[in-house]
Structure formats: structure tokens, C-alpha cells
Amino acid sequence: MSRTTGRQDGGSPGTRARLLEAEITRVAAVCFGEMGYRATTLDTVAARAGVSKVTLYKYVSSKEDLLWRVFQRTIDAFRSGLRQIIDKDLPADQKLRRIIRYQVQLLTSHLPFLIVFFSEESGLPPDLARRVAREKREYDRAIERVVRQGIAEGRVRDLPPTLLVFGLLGMCNWLYKWYHPGGQLAPEQIADLFVDLLEQGYAAVKAPRGGEALASVLHRIETKLAALDRRLGELAAGGEPPGGPRTPARRAPVRHPRHAAARTVSEPETPARGSRSAGGHRRS
């Protein structure tokens, strides 16, 4: 979807015609994005493309036809870029990173096309609107397959693939609403932030890539220690161990991992009489 001009000299007539057709489509995308599809006239497109209306009609049959050309070029760009990424022999997590970066690159470098693609679908005839919807579903499913590959490889969390894809694409595609060229963040920085946000989350405490949050690990340890402490308390209070009654041995207090880590080697813990253990039972 690179910018071309119909006023270039040289080249074969066929090449000049293709360049002019591409320029007319680009100008139409800009007009539709700025003024809206319904408010844009073919006279406006012709004037901004630098051609007469007679010349314009040599390339397009109607405004609907011009709108479809904008959609078609956008779909082709999405599809070809995704195919190049998927076909590479890479782990799924690397493919997903490249997909995110490609989404951001495409949206920011061809913003007028994407504004029309996401906001003017209602201007298409019903048969073409259904075709666009079908293309979008196929695009989503292709990324879902990458997600499923990542889950199978153990590189992506076992989450609902459809939900993950909706979140990924929703975050990237919403750029058409707020991105402005020359803004505070360059497209590459936006892509880096999106990748980091999706892989690491927004919490301040993060685990290494591919790991779990430290807080989650500690929570599970605390839960298991508390359950063990309760069970030991029940046995000490009168429960009988397997094999018949025995003289209950004095049990050592279960120490909370965080409390233990906070003490130094030179400060051995001497629990005060009557203090409570991690499980909430009073020590005797």
C-alpha cells in the first residue's frame, strides 16, 4: 500500500495505469478517513488525485467500487504479512511477537486505509461485507492456530486461544482511534510496549519471561503450609496417627517462608512463649 503517483513519467502504459489506479485508491482512503465515506464524493477524489472525473471512471465504476478497493488492499496487506510470519520455522511465542509488531507497523504506516477498514464497513454492499467478515474470521483463526501451537510447546499460557487473540488484536487495532504520526511514541516503541504488556502483564512485580509471578508462587506455598499446619494441629490435639495411639512428639513450629528469609544467620529465631505460628495456632 505504498504511495504512488499517476503523474510519473516513463514506464510502460500498463505500469503507469497501475500506478495511477493505486494513487486513486490511496487518495480515496485519505478522503474517506478524513471526511467519512458518505460525505466524500467522486469529484473530491478526482480533484485530490489530480485527474478528471472522466479519467477516474476509467479505473472505478462507482464510489462503492472505490471503497471495496480500499478494503481489498487492506485485506491483502494483512494476509500477506501474516502468511510470511506463520510460514517461518520459529517457536510460537516468537511468531506472536512478530505478529504484534507487524500489526502495529501496518496500522501506523497506512493509517488512512485502516481507519476506513475499521469504521466504514457499513458502506459496503451486503455480499462484500460478508466477504470482509469472512476474511477477518480467517485472519483471527490463523493467529489462534499459532496460540494453540504455543500452548502445546509450553511457551504460551493455557488460556482460551480465542480470548487471547481478541485481546491481542483489540489492543493493536485500536491504534486507528488514537495514534497520530509524530506523537510522543514511535511505532517501534509502541510495539515494544505492547509485547511487554502482553507477555509480562501490568503488575509491578514480574517474573522472568515464561515464569510465574513471584507473588503467585508465594501464595501457593503459604496456602500449603497453612493446610499442613492445621493438620498437624489436629493430630496434636487428639487425632491418632495410623498404627494406633502413640505418644505425640513435640512438633517444631512451621515457619512462614517470608519471616524466615527476613532473619539473618546471626539472629537465630527463639520463639516467644505463647506466640502464634504461621497457621494461627498458639505455641505452648
Protein backbone atom coordinates (compact mmCIF):
# COMPACT_ATOMS: atom_id res chain seq x y z
CA MET A 1 0.00 0.00 0.00
CA SER A 2 2.89 2.31 -0.70
CA ARG A 3 2.25 5.77 -2.01
CA THR A 4 2.44 6.20 -5.76
CA THR A 5 1.56 8.94 -8.19
CA GLY A 6 -0.13 8.89 -11.52
CA ARG A 7 1.99 11.76 -12.83
CA GLN A 8 5.26 9.90 -13.07
CA ASP A 9 6.90 9.83 -16.49
CA GLY A 10 8.43 6.76 -18.06
CA GLY A 11 7.48 3.14 -17.86
CA SER A 12 5.04 1.17 -19.95
CA PRO A 13 1.40 2.25 -20.29
CA GLY A 14 0.41 -0.72 -18.15
CA THR A 15 2.78 0.33 -15.39
CA ARG A 16 1.53 3.93 -15.48
CA ALA A 17 -2.06 2.71 -15.32
CA ARG A 18 -1.35 0.55 -12.28
CA LEU A 19 0.42 3.43 -10.56
CA LEU A 20 -2.48 5.78 -11.24
CA GLU A 21 -5.02 3.23 -10.02
CA ALA A 22 -3.01 2.74 -6.81
CA GLU A 23 -2.83 6.51 -6.30
CA ILE A 24 -6.57 6.94 -6.81
CA THR A 25 -7.21 4.23 -4.22
CA ARG A 26 -4.79 5.84 -1.76
CA VAL A 27 -6.40 9.25 -2.18
CA ALA A 28 -9.84 7.69 -1.72
CA ALA A 29 -8.69 6.11 1.56
CA VAL A 30 -7.46 9.50 2.78
CA CYS A 31 -10.73 11.20 1.79
CA PHE A 32 -12.92 8.50 3.33
CA GLY A 33 -10.84 8.60 6.50
CA GLU A 34 -10.94 12.39 6.83
CA MET A 35 -14.50 13.15 5.72
CA GLY A 36 -16.27 9.82 6.07
CA TYR A 37 -17.40 7.57 3.25
CA ARG A 38 -20.87 9.06 2.86
CA ALA A 39 -19.68 12.67 2.82
CA THR A 40 -16.98 12.04 0.21
CA THR A 41 -17.83 12.49 -3.47
CA LEU A 42 -16.04 11.14 -6.51
CA ASP A 43 -15.49 14.75 -7.58
CA THR A 44 -13.46 15.26 -4.40
CA VAL A 45 -11.42 12.11 -5.01
CA ALA A 46 -10.72 13.07 -8.63
CA ALA A 47 -9.67 16.60 -7.68
CA ARG A 48 -7.32 15.44 -4.93
CA ALA A 49 -5.86 12.72 -7.16
CA GLY A 50 -5.20 15.32 -9.87
CA VAL A 51 -7.31 13.62 -12.54
CA SER A 52 -10.55 14.43 -14.31
CA LYS A 53 -13.73 12.63 -13.42
CA VAL A 54 -13.71 11.05 -16.88
CA THR A 55 -10.28 9.59 -16.16
CA LEU A 56 -11.43 8.45 -12.73
CA TYR A 57 -14.26 6.43 -14.27
CA LYS A 58 -11.75 4.56 -16.40
CA TYR A 59 -10.47 2.96 -13.19
CA VAL A 60 -13.52 2.72 -10.92
CA SER A 61 -17.19 2.18 -11.67
CA SER A 62 -18.67 3.76 -8.54
CA LYS A 63 -17.93 5.03 -5.06
CA GLU A 64 -18.81 1.58 -3.68
CA ASP A 65 -16.26 0.07 -6.04
CA LEU A 66 -13.64 2.51 -4.76
CA LEU A 67 -14.48 1.66 -1.15
CA TRP A 68 -14.11 -2.05 -1.91
CA ARG A 69 -10.67 -1.41 -3.44
CA VAL A 70 -9.58 0.21 -0.17
CA PHE A 71 -10.81 -2.82 1.77
CA GLN A 72 -9.25 -5.26 -0.67
CA ARG A 73 -5.81 -3.68 -0.47
CA THR A 74 -6.00 -3.64 3.33
CA ILE A 75 -7.03 -7.30 3.50
CA ASP A 76 -4.24 -8.27 1.09
CA ALA A 77 -1.67 -6.43 3.22
CA PHE A 78 -2.84 -8.10 6.44
CA ARG A 79 -2.97 -11.54 4.85
CA SER A 80 0.40 -11.44 3.09
CA GLY A 81 2.23 -10.12 6.15
CA LEU A 82 0.69 -12.74 8.43
CA ARG A 83 1.48 -15.54 5.98
CA GLN A 84 5.16 -14.57 5.87
CA ILE A 85 5.35 -14.77 9.67
CA ILE A 86 3.42 -18.02 10.07
CA ASP A 87 5.43 -19.81 7.38
CA LYS A 88 8.73 -19.21 9.21
CA ASP A 89 10.19 -22.08 11.23
CA LEU A 90 10.02 -20.30 14.58
CA PRO A 91 8.67 -21.07 18.06
CA ALA A 92 5.12 -19.84 18.54
CA ASP A 93 6.00 -17.13 21.05
CA GLN A 94 8.40 -15.55 18.56
CA LYS A 95 5.72 -15.68 15.87
CA LEU A 96 3.27 -13.92 18.18
CA ARG A 97 5.79 -11.16 18.88
CA ARG A 98 6.29 -10.66 15.15
CA ILE A 99 2.54 -10.61 14.56
CA ILE A 100 2.13 -7.85 17.15
CA ARG A 101 4.93 -5.83 15.60
CA TYR A 102 3.50 -6.30 12.11
CA GLN A 103 0.04 -5.19 13.25
CA VAL A 104 1.48 -2.02 14.75
CA GLN A 105 3.71 -1.34 11.73
CA LEU A 106 0.86 -1.79 9.26
CA LEU A 107 -1.60 0.33 11.22
CA THR A 108 0.79 3.22 11.82
CA SER A 109 2.25 3.32 8.30
CA HIS A 110 -1.08 3.04 6.45
CA LEU A 111 -3.40 4.76 8.88
CA PRO A 112 -5.97 6.08 6.34
CA PHE A 113 -6.59 2.57 5.00
CA LEU A 114 -7.06 1.15 8.49
CA ILE A 115 -9.39 3.96 9.57
CA VAL A 116 -11.64 3.09 6.64
CA PHE A 117 -11.27 -0.65 7.21
CA PHE A 118 -12.42 -0.46 10.83
CA SER A 119 -15.06 2.27 10.53
CA GLU A 120 -16.68 2.17 7.08
CA GLU A 121 -17.66 -1.48 6.60
CA SER A 122 -21.33 -0.47 6.64
CA GLY A 123 -20.82 1.30 3.30
CA LEU A 124 -20.12 -1.98 1.51
CA PRO A 125 -22.83 -3.94 -0.32
CA PRO A 126 -24.07 -6.94 1.75
CA ASP A 127 -22.18 -9.55 -0.29
CA LEU A 128 -18.87 -7.69 0.06
CA ALA A 129 -19.49 -7.01 3.76
CA ARG A 130 -19.95 -10.76 4.28
CA ARG A 131 -16.71 -11.39 2.41
CA VAL A 132 -14.85 -8.95 4.65
CA ALA A 133 -16.31 -10.60 7.76
CA ARG A 134 -15.17 -13.99 6.46
CA GLU A 135 -11.65 -12.68 5.81
CA LYS A 136 -11.48 -11.27 9.34
CA ARG A 137 -12.53 -14.61 10.84
CA GLU A 138 -9.89 -16.45 8.82
CA TYR A 139 -7.26 -13.98 9.99
CA ASP A 140 -8.25 -14.48 13.63
CA ARG A 141 -8.22 -18.27 13.26
CA ALA A 142 -4.76 -18.23 11.71
CA ILE A 143 -3.43 -16.42 14.79
CA GLU A 144 -5.40 -18.79 17.04
CA ARG A 145 -3.50 -21.69 15.48
CA VAL A 146 -0.23 -20.00 16.45
CA VAL A 147 -1.53 -19.61 20.01
CA ARG A 148 -2.50 -23.30 20.16
CA GLN A 149 0.96 -24.19 18.89
CA GLY A 150 2.46 -22.10 21.68
CA ILE A 151 0.31 -23.80 24.31
CA ALA A 152 1.36 -27.22 23.00
CA GLU A 153 5.02 -26.14 23.11
CA GLY A 154 4.65 -24.85 26.66
CA ARG A 155 5.61 -21.33 25.56
CA VAL A 156 2.15 -19.77 25.91
CA ARG A 157 -0.09 -19.99 28.96
CA ASP A 158 -3.00 -22.40 28.69
CA LEU A 159 -5.66 -19.73 28.17
CA PRO A 160 -8.67 -19.74 25.82
CA PRO A 161 -6.98 -19.07 22.43
CA THR A 162 -9.92 -17.07 21.05
CA LEU A 163 -9.93 -14.74 24.04
CA LEU A 164 -6.17 -14.26 23.84
CA VAL A 165 -6.37 -13.39 20.12
CA PHE A 166 -9.21 -10.92 20.72
CA GLY A 167 -7.13 -9.21 23.38
CA LEU A 168 -4.01 -9.11 21.21
CA LEU A 169 -5.74 -7.78 18.11
CA GLY A 170 -8.01 -5.44 20.04
CA MET A 171 -5.05 -3.73 21.66
CA CYS A 172 -3.21 -3.36 18.35
CA ASN A 173 -6.17 -2.46 16.14
CA TRP A 174 -7.43 0.28 18.45
CA LEU A 175 -4.42 2.29 17.31
CA TYR A 176 -6.55 3.63 14.47
CA LYS A 177 -8.53 5.59 17.08
CA TRP A 178 -5.72 7.31 18.92
CA TYR A 179 -2.43 7.07 17.03
CA HIS A 180 -1.08 10.26 15.44
CA PRO A 181 2.15 10.30 13.40
CA GLY A 182 4.86 12.30 15.12
CA GLY A 183 3.39 11.68 18.56
CA GLN A 184 5.23 11.01 21.80
CA LEU A 185 5.95 7.35 20.99
CA ALA A 186 7.36 5.96 17.75
CA PRO A 187 5.65 2.87 16.27
CA GLU A 188 8.59 0.68 17.31
CA GLN A 189 8.24 1.86 20.92
CA ILE A 190 4.51 1.18 20.87
CA ALA A 191 5.15 -2.34 19.56
CA ASP A 192 7.75 -2.96 22.28
CA LEU A 193 5.31 -1.82 24.97
CA PHE A 194 2.51 -3.98 23.59
CA VAL A 195 4.75 -7.07 23.50
CA ASP A 196 5.93 -6.42 27.05
CA LEU A 197 2.40 -5.79 28.32
CA LEU A 198 1.06 -8.99 26.78
CA GLU A 199 3.95 -11.16 27.95
CA GLN A 200 4.65 -9.64 31.36
CA GLY A 201 1.34 -8.06 32.36
CA TYR A 202 0.91 -4.71 34.06
CA ALA A 203 1.77 -5.68 37.66
CA ALA A 204 4.89 -4.03 39.11
CA VAL A 205 6.34 -7.36 40.34
CA LYS A 206 7.16 -9.60 37.41
CA ALA A 207 8.77 -12.97 36.98
CA PRO A 208 11.34 -13.76 34.27
CA ARG A 209 9.89 -14.40 30.80
CA GLY A 210 7.98 -17.65 30.75
CA GLY A 211 7.79 -17.83 34.58
CA GLU A 212 5.02 -17.15 37.02
CA ALA A 213 4.68 -14.05 39.16
CA LEU A 214 6.59 -14.42 42.43
CA ALA A 215 3.53 -13.39 44.41
CA SER A 216 1.56 -16.26 42.92
CA VAL A 217 4.25 -18.78 43.86
CA LEU A 218 4.45 -17.48 47.43
CA HIS A 219 0.68 -17.57 47.77
CA ARG A 220 0.59 -21.24 46.85
CA ILE A 221 3.39 -22.01 49.31
CA GLU A 222 1.57 -20.15 52.08
CA THR A 223 -1.66 -22.00 51.35
CA LYS A 224 0.02 -25.39 51.53
CA LEU A 225 1.90 -24.51 54.72
CA ALA A 226 -1.29 -23.32 56.37
CA ALA A 227 -3.06 -26.56 55.44
CA LEU A 228 -0.15 -28.61 56.78
CA ASP A 229 -0.08 -26.59 59.99
CA ARG A 230 -3.81 -27.14 60.53
CA ARG A 231 -3.42 -30.88 60.03
CA LEU A 232 -0.52 -31.08 62.47
CA GLY A 233 -2.57 -29.13 64.98
CA GLU A 234 -5.46 -31.56 64.64
CA LEU A 235 -3.16 -34.55 65.24
CA ALA A 236 -1.53 -32.90 68.26
CA ALA A 237 -4.96 -32.08 69.73
CA GLY A 238 -6.11 -35.70 69.87
CA GLY A 239 -6.03 -37.34 66.47
CA GLU A 240 -4.46 -40.81 66.27
CA PRO A 241 -1.77 -41.48 63.67
CA PRO A 242 -2.01 -44.68 61.60
CA GLY A 243 -0.96 -47.81 63.53
CA GLY A 244 -2.57 -46.95 66.87
CA PRO A 245 -2.03 -44.39 69.63
CA ARG A 246 1.44 -43.09 70.24
CA THR A 247 2.95 -40.52 72.47
CA PRO A 248 2.74 -37.34 70.43
CA ALA A 249 6.13 -35.87 69.75
CA ARG A 250 6.68 -32.19 70.26
CA ARG A 251 6.48 -30.63 66.81
CA ALA A 252 8.61 -27.81 65.62
CA PRO A 253 6.69 -24.67 64.69
CA VAL A 254 6.05 -24.20 60.97
CA ARG A 255 7.79 -21.04 59.95
CA HIS A 256 6.47 -18.69 57.29
CA PRO A 257 8.95 -18.56 54.34
CA ARG A 258 8.93 -14.77 54.26
CA HIS A 259 9.58 -14.47 58.01
CA ALA A 260 12.41 -16.98 57.82
CA ALA A 261 14.02 -15.22 54.88
CA ALA A 262 13.93 -11.93 56.76
CA ARG A 263 16.17 -13.22 59.59
CA THR A 264 19.94 -13.36 59.32
CA VAL A 265 22.22 -16.27 60.20
CA SER A 266 23.48 -14.36 63.25
CA GLU A 267 19.92 -13.98 64.59
CA PRO A 268 18.52 -17.49 65.22
CA GLU A 269 14.82 -17.45 65.90
CA THR A 270 13.79 -18.13 69.52
CA PRO A 271 10.01 -18.14 69.51
CA ALA A 272 8.47 -16.36 72.49
CA ARG A 273 6.26 -18.46 74.71
CA GLY A 274 2.65 -18.05 73.70
CA SER A 275 3.43 -16.68 70.20
CA ARG A 276 1.39 -17.83 67.23
CA SER A 277 2.67 -19.95 64.34
CA ALA A 278 2.07 -19.24 60.63
CA GLY A 279 -1.10 -21.31 60.75
CA GLY A 280 -2.56 -19.27 63.62
CA HIS A 281 -2.16 -21.88 66.45
CA ARG A 282 -0.72 -20.85 69.80
CA ARG A 283 2.58 -22.49 70.66
CA SER A 284 2.94 -23.97 74.14
